[in-house]
N, C-alpha and C. Protein backbone atom coordinates (compact mmCIF):
# COMPACT_ATOMS: atom_id res chain seq x y z
N UNK A 1 215.10 152.14 15.21
CA UNK A 1 214.21 151.14 14.62
C UNK A 1 214.90 149.78 14.55
N UNK A 2 214.10 148.71 14.49
CA UNK A 2 214.67 147.37 14.36
C UNK A 2 215.29 147.21 12.98
N UNK A 3 216.48 146.64 12.87
CA UNK A 3 217.15 146.51 11.57
C UNK A 3 216.29 145.74 10.58
N UNK A 4 216.41 146.09 9.31
CA UNK A 4 215.67 145.40 8.27
C UNK A 4 216.17 143.98 8.13
N UNK A 5 215.34 143.14 7.52
CA UNK A 5 215.74 141.74 7.31
C UNK A 5 217.02 141.69 6.50
N UNK A 6 217.90 140.82 6.92
CA UNK A 6 219.23 140.76 6.29
C UNK A 6 219.13 140.21 4.88
N UNK A 7 219.96 140.73 3.99
CA UNK A 7 220.05 140.20 2.63
C UNK A 7 220.90 138.95 2.63
N UNK A 8 220.68 138.05 1.66
CA UNK A 8 221.51 136.83 1.61
C UNK A 8 222.97 137.18 1.47
N UNK A 9 223.87 136.49 2.22
CA UNK A 9 225.30 136.80 2.16
C UNK A 9 225.90 136.46 0.82
N UNK A 10 226.96 137.21 0.43
CA UNK A 10 227.67 136.90 -0.80
C UNK A 10 228.48 135.63 -0.62
N UNK A 11 228.65 134.86 -1.68
CA UNK A 11 229.47 133.64 -1.56
C UNK A 11 230.88 133.98 -1.12
N UNK A 12 231.49 133.22 -0.18
CA UNK A 12 232.84 133.50 0.28
C UNK A 12 233.86 133.13 -0.78
N UNK A 13 235.06 133.72 -0.65
CA UNK A 13 236.11 133.40 -1.59
C UNK A 13 236.74 132.05 -1.22
N UNK A 14 237.61 131.54 -2.12
CA UNK A 14 238.19 130.21 -1.91
C UNK A 14 239.01 130.13 -0.64
N UNK A 15 239.84 131.13 -0.29
CA UNK A 15 240.59 131.03 0.97
C UNK A 15 239.68 130.89 2.18
N UNK A 16 238.53 131.61 2.17
CA UNK A 16 237.61 131.49 3.30
C UNK A 16 237.07 130.08 3.39
N UNK A 17 236.76 129.49 2.22
CA UNK A 17 236.26 128.13 2.23
C UNK A 17 237.29 127.17 2.80
N UNK A 18 238.55 127.38 2.46
CA UNK A 18 239.59 126.48 2.98
C UNK A 18 239.73 126.62 4.49
N UNK A 19 239.64 127.86 4.98
CA UNK A 19 239.77 128.05 6.43
C UNK A 19 238.63 127.38 7.17
N UNK A 20 237.46 127.29 6.55
CA UNK A 20 236.32 126.69 7.21
C UNK A 20 236.53 125.22 7.52
N UNK A 21 237.42 124.58 6.76
CA UNK A 21 237.65 123.16 6.98
C UNK A 21 238.13 122.90 8.40
N UNK A 22 238.80 123.88 8.98
CA UNK A 22 239.35 123.70 10.31
C UNK A 22 238.32 123.87 11.41
N UNK A 23 237.13 124.33 11.09
CA UNK A 23 236.13 124.54 12.13
C UNK A 23 235.74 123.21 12.75
N UNK A 24 235.58 123.16 14.07
CA UNK A 24 235.25 121.89 14.72
C UNK A 24 233.84 121.43 14.37
N UNK A 25 233.77 120.25 13.74
CA UNK A 25 232.50 119.61 13.44
C UNK A 25 231.57 120.50 12.65
N UNK A 26 232.13 121.29 11.74
CA UNK A 26 231.32 122.27 11.01
C UNK A 26 230.28 121.59 10.15
N UNK A 27 229.03 121.67 10.61
CA UNK A 27 227.89 121.23 9.82
C UNK A 27 228.08 119.81 9.27
N UNK A 28 228.68 118.94 10.05
CA UNK A 28 228.86 117.56 9.59
C UNK A 28 227.50 116.89 9.48
N UNK A 29 227.29 116.12 8.44
CA UNK A 29 226.01 115.40 8.34
C UNK A 29 225.85 114.44 9.50
N UNK A 30 224.62 114.28 9.91
CA UNK A 30 224.35 113.37 11.02
C UNK A 30 224.07 111.95 10.54
N UNK A 31 224.18 111.72 9.23
CA UNK A 31 223.83 110.40 8.71
C UNK A 31 224.70 109.31 9.30
N UNK A 32 226.00 109.54 9.35
CA UNK A 32 226.90 108.49 9.86
C UNK A 32 226.60 108.21 11.32
N UNK A 33 226.33 109.28 12.08
CA UNK A 33 226.03 109.09 13.49
C UNK A 33 224.73 108.33 13.67
N UNK A 34 223.77 108.63 12.79
CA UNK A 34 222.47 107.97 12.89
C UNK A 34 222.59 106.48 12.57
N UNK A 35 223.51 106.13 11.68
CA UNK A 35 223.65 104.74 11.28
C UNK A 35 224.50 103.93 12.26
N UNK A 36 225.32 104.61 13.07
CA UNK A 36 226.20 103.91 14.00
C UNK A 36 225.58 103.91 15.38
N UNK A 37 225.32 102.76 16.00
CA UNK A 37 224.75 102.74 17.34
C UNK A 37 225.73 103.25 18.37
N UNK A 38 225.20 103.83 19.42
CA UNK A 38 226.03 104.29 20.53
C UNK A 38 226.66 103.09 21.20
N UNK A 39 227.97 103.13 21.53
CA UNK A 39 228.63 101.96 22.09
C UNK A 39 228.00 101.49 23.38
N UNK A 40 227.45 102.39 24.17
CA UNK A 40 226.89 101.98 25.45
C UNK A 40 225.49 101.42 25.29
N UNK A 41 224.78 101.80 24.21
CA UNK A 41 223.43 101.33 23.99
C UNK A 41 223.30 100.90 22.53
N UNK A 42 223.81 99.71 22.19
CA UNK A 42 223.87 99.29 20.78
C UNK A 42 222.52 99.18 20.11
N UNK A 43 221.44 99.00 20.86
CA UNK A 43 220.13 98.84 20.25
C UNK A 43 219.33 100.13 20.29
N UNK A 44 219.93 101.20 20.77
CA UNK A 44 219.20 102.47 20.87
C UNK A 44 218.90 103.00 19.48
N UNK A 45 217.71 103.57 19.32
CA UNK A 45 217.31 104.12 18.03
C UNK A 45 218.06 105.42 17.77
N UNK A 46 218.42 105.66 16.51
CA UNK A 46 219.12 106.89 16.16
C UNK A 46 218.17 108.07 16.26
N UNK A 47 218.68 109.23 16.68
CA UNK A 47 217.81 110.41 16.77
C UNK A 47 217.35 110.84 15.39
N UNK A 48 216.10 111.24 15.31
CA UNK A 48 215.56 111.70 14.04
C UNK A 48 214.74 112.96 14.28
N UNK A 49 214.38 113.63 13.19
CA UNK A 49 213.47 114.75 13.27
C UNK A 49 214.00 115.87 14.14
N UNK A 50 213.18 116.29 15.10
CA UNK A 50 213.50 117.45 15.93
C UNK A 50 214.78 117.24 16.72
N UNK A 51 215.00 116.02 17.22
CA UNK A 51 216.21 115.76 18.02
C UNK A 51 217.46 115.85 17.16
N UNK A 52 217.41 115.28 15.96
CA UNK A 52 218.56 115.37 15.06
C UNK A 52 218.84 116.82 14.68
N UNK A 53 217.78 117.58 14.45
CA UNK A 53 217.94 119.00 14.12
C UNK A 53 218.56 119.76 15.29
N UNK A 54 218.13 119.43 16.50
CA UNK A 54 218.71 120.10 17.68
C UNK A 54 220.20 119.81 17.81
N UNK A 55 220.58 118.56 17.57
CA UNK A 55 221.99 118.20 17.67
C UNK A 55 222.82 118.94 16.62
N UNK A 56 222.28 119.04 15.41
CA UNK A 56 223.02 119.76 14.37
C UNK A 56 223.07 121.25 14.67
N UNK A 57 222.01 121.79 15.25
CA UNK A 57 222.02 123.20 15.63
C UNK A 57 223.10 123.47 16.67
N UNK A 58 223.21 122.57 17.66
CA UNK A 58 224.25 122.75 18.68
C UNK A 58 225.63 122.80 18.03
N UNK A 59 225.88 121.91 17.09
CA UNK A 59 227.17 121.89 16.41
C UNK A 59 227.38 123.16 15.57
N UNK A 60 226.30 123.59 14.92
CA UNK A 60 226.41 124.79 14.09
C UNK A 60 226.72 126.02 14.93
N UNK A 61 226.11 126.12 16.11
CA UNK A 61 226.40 127.27 16.97
C UNK A 61 227.84 127.23 17.49
N UNK A 62 228.37 126.05 17.73
CA UNK A 62 229.78 125.94 18.09
C UNK A 62 230.65 126.42 16.94
N UNK A 63 230.28 126.03 15.72
CA UNK A 63 231.04 126.46 14.55
C UNK A 63 230.92 127.96 14.34
N UNK A 64 229.76 128.53 14.65
CA UNK A 64 229.58 129.97 14.50
C UNK A 64 230.54 130.73 15.41
N UNK A 65 230.70 130.27 16.63
CA UNK A 65 231.62 130.94 17.55
C UNK A 65 233.07 130.81 17.08
N UNK A 66 233.38 129.72 16.39
CA UNK A 66 234.76 129.47 15.96
C UNK A 66 235.04 129.95 14.54
N UNK A 67 234.07 130.57 13.88
CA UNK A 67 234.27 131.00 12.49
C UNK A 67 235.47 131.94 12.39
N UNK A 68 236.33 131.76 11.38
CA UNK A 68 237.55 132.56 11.28
C UNK A 68 237.33 133.99 10.81
N UNK A 69 236.23 134.24 10.10
CA UNK A 69 236.00 135.58 9.55
C UNK A 69 234.52 135.74 9.24
N UNK A 70 234.17 136.93 8.71
CA UNK A 70 232.77 137.21 8.42
C UNK A 70 232.19 136.26 7.36
N UNK A 71 232.99 135.94 6.36
CA UNK A 71 232.51 135.05 5.30
C UNK A 71 232.18 133.67 5.87
N UNK A 72 233.07 133.17 6.72
CA UNK A 72 232.82 131.87 7.33
C UNK A 72 231.59 131.90 8.22
N UNK A 73 231.44 132.98 9.00
CA UNK A 73 230.28 133.10 9.87
C UNK A 73 228.99 133.16 9.05
N UNK A 74 229.04 133.84 7.91
CA UNK A 74 227.84 133.95 7.07
C UNK A 74 227.38 132.58 6.58
N UNK A 75 228.33 131.71 6.24
CA UNK A 75 227.97 130.36 5.82
C UNK A 75 227.25 129.60 6.94
N UNK A 76 227.79 129.70 8.14
CA UNK A 76 227.18 128.98 9.25
C UNK A 76 225.83 129.59 9.61
N UNK A 77 225.75 130.93 9.56
CA UNK A 77 224.47 131.59 9.81
C UNK A 77 223.40 131.04 8.87
N UNK A 78 223.75 130.91 7.60
CA UNK A 78 222.80 130.40 6.63
C UNK A 78 222.31 129.01 6.98
N UNK A 79 223.21 128.15 7.43
CA UNK A 79 222.82 126.79 7.80
C UNK A 79 221.92 126.82 9.04
N UNK A 80 222.23 127.67 10.01
CA UNK A 80 221.39 127.77 11.21
C UNK A 80 219.99 128.21 10.84
N UNK A 81 219.89 129.19 9.95
CA UNK A 81 218.57 129.66 9.53
C UNK A 81 217.80 128.55 8.80
N UNK A 82 218.53 127.76 8.01
CA UNK A 82 217.87 126.63 7.34
C UNK A 82 217.32 125.64 8.36
N UNK A 83 218.12 125.35 9.38
CA UNK A 83 217.67 124.41 10.40
C UNK A 83 216.48 124.97 11.17
N UNK A 84 216.51 126.26 11.46
CA UNK A 84 215.36 126.88 12.12
C UNK A 84 214.11 126.73 11.25
N UNK A 85 214.26 127.03 9.96
CA UNK A 85 213.09 127.00 9.08
C UNK A 85 212.51 125.60 8.96
N UNK A 86 213.35 124.58 9.14
CA UNK A 86 212.85 123.20 9.06
C UNK A 86 211.89 122.86 10.20
N UNK A 87 211.92 123.67 11.25
CA UNK A 87 211.01 123.44 12.36
C UNK A 87 209.61 123.96 12.11
N UNK A 88 209.39 124.64 10.98
CA UNK A 88 208.08 125.19 10.67
C UNK A 88 207.31 124.26 9.74
N UNK A 89 206.01 124.20 9.93
CA UNK A 89 205.16 123.45 9.00
C UNK A 89 205.04 124.24 7.70
N UNK A 90 204.62 123.59 6.61
CA UNK A 90 204.44 124.32 5.35
C UNK A 90 203.51 125.52 5.49
N UNK A 91 202.44 125.39 6.27
CA UNK A 91 201.50 126.50 6.44
C UNK A 91 202.16 127.67 7.14
N UNK A 92 202.93 127.38 8.19
CA UNK A 92 203.62 128.45 8.92
C UNK A 92 204.67 129.10 8.03
N UNK A 93 205.42 128.28 7.29
CA UNK A 93 206.41 128.83 6.38
C UNK A 93 205.80 129.76 5.35
N UNK A 94 204.64 129.40 4.83
CA UNK A 94 203.95 130.23 3.85
C UNK A 94 203.55 131.57 4.46
N UNK A 95 203.03 131.53 5.67
CA UNK A 95 202.64 132.77 6.36
C UNK A 95 203.84 133.67 6.62
N UNK A 96 204.94 133.08 7.04
CA UNK A 96 206.13 133.88 7.33
C UNK A 96 206.69 134.51 6.05
N UNK A 97 206.71 133.75 4.98
CA UNK A 97 207.21 134.31 3.71
C UNK A 97 206.31 135.45 3.22
N UNK A 98 205.00 135.26 3.37
CA UNK A 98 204.09 136.32 2.95
C UNK A 98 204.26 137.55 3.83
N UNK A 99 204.45 137.32 5.13
CA UNK A 99 204.67 138.45 6.02
C UNK A 99 205.95 139.21 5.68
N UNK A 100 207.01 138.48 5.33
CA UNK A 100 208.26 139.15 4.97
C UNK A 100 208.10 139.94 3.67
N UNK A 101 207.32 139.41 2.73
CA UNK A 101 207.06 140.17 1.50
C UNK A 101 206.30 141.46 1.81
N UNK A 102 205.36 141.38 2.73
CA UNK A 102 204.63 142.58 3.12
C UNK A 102 205.54 143.58 3.82
N UNK A 103 206.49 143.09 4.59
CA UNK A 103 207.46 143.98 5.23
C UNK A 103 208.30 144.69 4.17
N UNK A 104 208.75 143.93 3.18
CA UNK A 104 209.55 144.53 2.11
C UNK A 104 208.74 145.55 1.31
N UNK A 105 207.42 145.33 1.23
CA UNK A 105 206.55 146.26 0.51
C UNK A 105 206.09 147.41 1.38
N UNK A 106 206.68 147.53 2.59
CA UNK A 106 206.33 148.60 3.53
C UNK A 106 204.86 148.51 3.95
N UNK A 107 204.42 147.29 4.21
CA UNK A 107 203.05 147.06 4.67
C UNK A 107 203.09 146.31 6.01
N UNK A 108 203.59 146.96 7.06
CA UNK A 108 203.75 146.24 8.33
C UNK A 108 202.45 145.79 8.95
N UNK A 109 201.35 146.51 8.70
CA UNK A 109 200.07 146.08 9.24
C UNK A 109 199.63 144.74 8.68
N UNK A 110 199.76 144.58 7.36
CA UNK A 110 199.43 143.30 6.74
C UNK A 110 200.40 142.22 7.20
N UNK A 111 201.66 142.58 7.37
CA UNK A 111 202.65 141.61 7.86
C UNK A 111 202.28 141.13 9.26
N UNK A 112 201.79 142.03 10.10
CA UNK A 112 201.39 141.65 11.45
C UNK A 112 200.32 140.57 11.41
N UNK A 113 199.37 140.69 10.50
CA UNK A 113 198.32 139.68 10.40
C UNK A 113 198.91 138.31 10.04
N UNK A 114 199.88 138.32 9.12
CA UNK A 114 200.52 137.06 8.74
C UNK A 114 201.27 136.45 9.91
N UNK A 115 202.04 137.28 10.62
CA UNK A 115 202.84 136.76 11.73
C UNK A 115 201.95 136.34 12.90
N UNK A 116 200.84 137.07 13.13
CA UNK A 116 199.89 136.66 14.16
C UNK A 116 199.37 135.25 13.86
N UNK A 117 199.01 135.03 12.60
CA UNK A 117 198.48 133.72 12.22
C UNK A 117 199.54 132.63 12.39
N UNK A 118 200.79 132.95 12.04
CA UNK A 118 201.87 131.97 12.18
C UNK A 118 202.07 131.61 13.65
N UNK A 119 202.01 132.60 14.52
CA UNK A 119 202.20 132.34 15.95
C UNK A 119 201.04 131.53 16.51
N UNK A 120 199.83 131.78 16.02
CA UNK A 120 198.68 130.99 16.45
C UNK A 120 198.87 129.52 16.10
N UNK A 121 199.42 129.27 14.91
CA UNK A 121 199.65 127.89 14.48
C UNK A 121 200.87 127.26 15.15
N UNK A 122 201.88 128.07 15.42
CA UNK A 122 203.15 127.53 15.96
C UNK A 122 203.70 128.47 17.02
N UNK A 123 203.09 128.48 18.22
CA UNK A 123 203.55 129.41 19.26
C UNK A 123 204.94 129.12 19.78
N UNK A 124 205.49 127.93 19.48
CA UNK A 124 206.83 127.58 19.96
C UNK A 124 207.91 127.84 18.91
N UNK A 125 207.57 128.54 17.83
CA UNK A 125 208.51 128.79 16.76
C UNK A 125 209.12 130.18 16.96
N UNK A 126 210.38 130.30 17.39
CA UNK A 126 210.94 131.60 17.79
C UNK A 126 211.02 132.61 16.66
N UNK A 127 211.29 132.16 15.43
CA UNK A 127 211.45 133.13 14.34
C UNK A 127 210.16 133.88 14.06
N UNK A 128 209.01 133.24 14.29
CA UNK A 128 207.74 133.94 14.10
C UNK A 128 207.62 135.11 15.07
N UNK A 129 208.05 134.92 16.30
CA UNK A 129 208.03 136.01 17.29
C UNK A 129 209.01 137.11 16.91
N UNK A 130 210.18 136.71 16.41
CA UNK A 130 211.18 137.71 16.01
C UNK A 130 210.66 138.56 14.86
N UNK A 131 210.04 137.92 13.88
CA UNK A 131 209.52 138.67 12.73
C UNK A 131 208.35 139.56 13.14
N UNK A 132 207.50 139.06 14.03
CA UNK A 132 206.39 139.92 14.47
C UNK A 132 206.91 141.12 15.25
N UNK A 133 208.00 140.92 15.98
CA UNK A 133 208.60 142.05 16.69
C UNK A 133 209.02 143.14 15.71
N UNK A 134 209.59 142.76 14.59
CA UNK A 134 210.00 143.74 13.60
C UNK A 134 208.79 144.47 13.03
N UNK A 135 207.71 143.73 12.77
CA UNK A 135 206.50 144.37 12.26
C UNK A 135 205.91 145.32 13.30
N UNK A 136 205.89 144.91 14.56
CA UNK A 136 205.39 145.79 15.62
C UNK A 136 206.22 147.07 15.71
N UNK A 137 207.52 146.91 15.60
CA UNK A 137 208.39 148.09 15.67
C UNK A 137 208.12 149.03 14.49
N UNK A 138 207.88 148.46 13.31
CA UNK A 138 207.59 149.28 12.14
C UNK A 138 206.30 150.08 12.31
N UNK A 139 205.35 149.52 13.04
CA UNK A 139 204.09 150.23 13.27
C UNK A 139 204.19 151.19 14.44
N UNK A 140 205.32 151.20 15.14
CA UNK A 140 205.52 152.11 16.26
C UNK A 140 205.19 151.54 17.62
N UNK A 141 204.78 150.29 17.69
CA UNK A 141 204.45 149.67 18.98
C UNK A 141 205.70 149.00 19.53
N UNK A 142 206.57 149.80 20.14
CA UNK A 142 207.85 149.29 20.61
C UNK A 142 207.70 148.37 21.82
N UNK A 143 206.68 148.62 22.65
CA UNK A 143 206.47 147.76 23.81
C UNK A 143 206.09 146.35 23.35
N UNK A 144 205.21 146.25 22.36
CA UNK A 144 204.84 144.93 21.84
C UNK A 144 206.03 144.28 21.17
N UNK A 145 206.85 145.07 20.47
CA UNK A 145 208.04 144.52 19.83
C UNK A 145 208.98 143.93 20.87
N UNK A 146 209.17 144.64 21.99
CA UNK A 146 210.06 144.15 23.04
C UNK A 146 209.53 142.85 23.65
N UNK A 147 208.21 142.77 23.84
CA UNK A 147 207.63 141.54 24.40
C UNK A 147 207.84 140.37 23.44
N UNK A 148 207.67 140.62 22.15
CA UNK A 148 207.87 139.54 21.17
C UNK A 148 209.32 139.07 21.15
N UNK A 149 210.25 140.00 21.25
CA UNK A 149 211.67 139.63 21.27
C UNK A 149 212.01 138.82 22.51
N UNK A 150 211.43 139.19 23.64
CA UNK A 150 211.68 138.43 24.86
C UNK A 150 211.16 137.00 24.73
N UNK A 151 210.02 136.84 24.06
CA UNK A 151 209.48 135.49 23.86
C UNK A 151 210.36 134.70 22.90
N UNK A 152 210.81 135.35 21.83
CA UNK A 152 211.71 134.67 20.89
C UNK A 152 212.96 134.18 21.60
N UNK A 153 213.50 135.00 22.49
CA UNK A 153 214.72 134.64 23.21
C UNK A 153 214.44 133.60 24.29
N UNK A 154 213.25 133.58 24.82
CA UNK A 154 212.91 132.52 25.77
C UNK A 154 212.91 131.16 25.06
N UNK A 155 212.37 131.16 23.83
CA UNK A 155 212.30 129.93 23.06
C UNK A 155 213.65 129.52 22.49
N UNK A 156 214.48 130.51 22.11
CA UNK A 156 215.80 130.23 21.55
C UNK A 156 216.77 131.29 22.06
N UNK A 157 217.40 131.05 23.22
CA UNK A 157 218.31 132.05 23.80
C UNK A 157 219.50 132.39 22.91
N UNK A 158 219.80 131.55 21.91
CA UNK A 158 220.94 131.81 21.02
C UNK A 158 220.55 132.61 19.78
N UNK A 159 219.36 133.16 19.75
CA UNK A 159 218.88 133.89 18.58
C UNK A 159 219.57 135.26 18.55
N UNK A 160 220.75 135.31 17.92
CA UNK A 160 221.53 136.54 17.93
C UNK A 160 220.82 137.69 17.23
N UNK A 161 220.03 137.40 16.20
CA UNK A 161 219.31 138.46 15.50
C UNK A 161 218.27 139.10 16.40
N UNK A 162 217.60 138.31 17.24
CA UNK A 162 216.64 138.86 18.18
C UNK A 162 217.36 139.73 19.22
N UNK A 163 218.54 139.33 19.62
CA UNK A 163 219.32 140.15 20.56
C UNK A 163 219.72 141.48 19.91
N UNK A 164 220.09 141.45 18.63
CA UNK A 164 220.42 142.69 17.93
C UNK A 164 219.19 143.60 17.84
N UNK A 165 218.05 143.01 17.54
CA UNK A 165 216.82 143.80 17.47
C UNK A 165 216.49 144.41 18.83
N UNK A 166 216.68 143.62 19.88
CA UNK A 166 216.42 144.12 21.23
C UNK A 166 217.38 145.25 21.57
N UNK A 167 218.64 145.12 21.19
CA UNK A 167 219.61 146.19 21.44
C UNK A 167 219.19 147.47 20.74
N UNK A 168 218.68 147.36 19.51
CA UNK A 168 218.24 148.54 18.78
C UNK A 168 217.07 149.21 19.48
N UNK A 169 216.12 148.42 19.98
CA UNK A 169 214.99 148.99 20.71
C UNK A 169 215.44 149.68 21.99
N UNK A 170 216.34 149.04 22.71
CA UNK A 170 216.83 149.60 23.96
C UNK A 170 217.60 150.89 23.72
N UNK A 171 218.39 150.92 22.66
CA UNK A 171 219.13 152.14 22.34
C UNK A 171 218.16 153.26 21.97
N UNK A 172 217.13 152.92 21.19
CA UNK A 172 216.16 153.93 20.79
C UNK A 172 215.41 154.47 22.00
N UNK A 173 215.21 153.62 23.01
CA UNK A 173 214.54 154.04 24.24
C UNK A 173 215.46 154.82 25.16
N UNK A 174 216.73 154.96 24.80
CA UNK A 174 217.68 155.72 25.61
C UNK A 174 218.40 154.92 26.67
N UNK A 175 218.26 153.59 26.65
CA UNK A 175 218.91 152.74 27.65
C UNK A 175 220.15 152.11 27.01
N UNK A 176 221.22 152.91 26.94
CA UNK A 176 222.43 152.43 26.28
C UNK A 176 223.07 151.26 27.03
N UNK A 177 222.96 151.26 28.35
CA UNK A 177 223.56 150.18 29.13
C UNK A 177 222.89 148.84 28.81
N UNK A 178 221.56 148.83 28.74
CA UNK A 178 220.84 147.61 28.39
C UNK A 178 221.14 147.20 26.96
N UNK A 179 221.21 148.18 26.05
CA UNK A 179 221.53 147.88 24.65
C UNK A 179 222.92 147.25 24.55
N UNK A 180 223.85 147.75 25.35
CA UNK A 180 225.20 147.21 25.34
C UNK A 180 225.20 145.76 25.80
N UNK A 181 224.45 145.45 26.83
CA UNK A 181 224.39 144.07 27.31
C UNK A 181 223.80 143.14 26.25
N UNK A 182 222.76 143.60 25.56
CA UNK A 182 222.16 142.77 24.52
C UNK A 182 223.13 142.55 23.36
N UNK A 183 223.84 143.61 22.97
CA UNK A 183 224.81 143.47 21.88
C UNK A 183 225.95 142.55 22.28
N UNK A 184 226.43 142.68 23.51
CA UNK A 184 227.49 141.79 23.97
C UNK A 184 227.04 140.33 23.96
N UNK A 185 225.78 140.09 24.33
CA UNK A 185 225.25 138.72 24.29
C UNK A 185 225.18 138.20 22.86
N UNK A 186 224.78 139.07 21.92
CA UNK A 186 224.72 138.66 20.52
C UNK A 186 226.11 138.33 19.99
N UNK A 187 227.10 139.14 20.34
CA UNK A 187 228.46 138.92 19.87
C UNK A 187 229.09 137.69 20.51
N UNK A 188 228.67 137.34 21.71
CA UNK A 188 229.16 136.11 22.33
C UNK A 188 228.70 134.89 21.54
N UNK A 189 227.53 134.99 20.91
CA UNK A 189 227.01 133.89 20.10
C UNK A 189 227.60 133.92 18.70
N UNK A 190 227.70 135.12 18.12
CA UNK A 190 228.14 135.30 16.74
C UNK A 190 229.22 136.39 16.69
N UNK A 191 230.46 136.05 17.06
CA UNK A 191 231.51 137.07 17.21
C UNK A 191 231.90 137.77 15.91
N UNK A 192 231.65 137.17 14.77
CA UNK A 192 232.12 137.74 13.50
C UNK A 192 231.00 138.45 12.73
N UNK A 193 230.00 138.95 13.44
CA UNK A 193 228.94 139.70 12.77
C UNK A 193 229.52 140.95 12.10
N UNK A 194 229.12 141.24 10.86
CA UNK A 194 229.62 142.45 10.20
C UNK A 194 229.27 143.70 11.01
N UNK A 195 230.28 144.52 11.26
CA UNK A 195 230.07 145.76 11.99
C UNK A 195 229.90 145.60 13.48
N UNK A 196 230.01 144.39 13.99
CA UNK A 196 229.76 144.15 15.40
C UNK A 196 230.74 144.88 16.31
N UNK A 197 232.01 144.83 15.97
CA UNK A 197 233.02 145.47 16.82
C UNK A 197 232.82 146.99 16.85
N UNK A 198 232.47 147.57 15.71
CA UNK A 198 232.25 149.01 15.65
C UNK A 198 231.05 149.41 16.51
N UNK A 199 229.94 148.67 16.37
CA UNK A 199 228.76 148.97 17.17
C UNK A 199 229.05 148.80 18.65
N UNK A 200 229.87 147.82 19.00
CA UNK A 200 230.21 147.60 20.40
C UNK A 200 230.94 148.81 20.97
N UNK A 201 231.90 149.35 20.21
CA UNK A 201 232.62 150.54 20.68
C UNK A 201 231.67 151.73 20.84
N UNK A 202 230.77 151.90 19.88
CA UNK A 202 229.84 153.02 19.95
C UNK A 202 228.93 152.92 21.17
N UNK A 203 228.40 151.73 21.41
CA UNK A 203 227.50 151.57 22.55
C UNK A 203 228.23 151.69 23.87
N UNK A 204 229.47 151.25 23.92
CA UNK A 204 230.24 151.41 25.15
C UNK A 204 230.45 152.88 25.47
N UNK A 205 230.72 153.68 24.43
CA UNK A 205 230.87 155.12 24.65
C UNK A 205 229.56 155.73 25.15
N UNK A 206 228.44 155.32 24.56
CA UNK A 206 227.15 155.85 25.00
C UNK A 206 226.85 155.43 26.43
N UNK A 207 227.11 154.15 26.74
CA UNK A 207 226.84 153.66 28.08
C UNK A 207 227.67 154.36 29.13
N UNK A 208 228.85 154.80 28.74
CA UNK A 208 229.74 155.51 29.66
C UNK A 208 229.48 157.01 29.68
N UNK A 209 228.49 157.45 28.91
CA UNK A 209 228.13 158.86 28.91
C UNK A 209 228.82 159.71 27.88
N UNK A 210 229.62 159.10 27.01
CA UNK A 210 230.32 159.84 25.95
C UNK A 210 229.51 159.75 24.69
N UNK A 211 228.76 160.80 24.35
CA UNK A 211 227.90 160.80 23.18
C UNK A 211 228.48 161.61 22.05
N UNK A 212 229.77 161.93 22.13
CA UNK A 212 230.39 162.71 21.06
C UNK A 212 230.68 161.82 19.87
């Protein structure tokens, strides 16, 4: 089955916070960059809105790859999810939150209706597709779940959670080799995922035919 929605990470300890200082451009505010004109185009307008969010996302994903440990990665993950959520309108955000509540209440059918509505309003929002994939999987429609995950990844190829969900579906379908490729892709984006190294070893054994 597709993994349940992740719980909020625990706050990191002080040493982890200190190590994060060394991360390259870790979640630096874009305000200074927005106020300073580019040297080659002094009159160019500063990026705002979606473009500014995209630039910060790029930096956050670089920081995610460079995170020193799980605690550091969890901090960056949280910021990436915040930036993703900023791309949703209030109406879409409301639908997604209601759908997640229905998932937590073990009501995947009702959640599907919420996620369907969110996708109708915002078909370019990858997290809506990822969440609907989870609801589809809960109802047993694994083919629809796989299609939704593929769309989420088309819209945001760096969506490591969608890759993890896809790996789970592929493993459940008996395709350990495909599951291994999806997990490896997720770990390339987010190397410090909790339990990632253990799952990688397990899937490698399965892909090689060792199911002991």
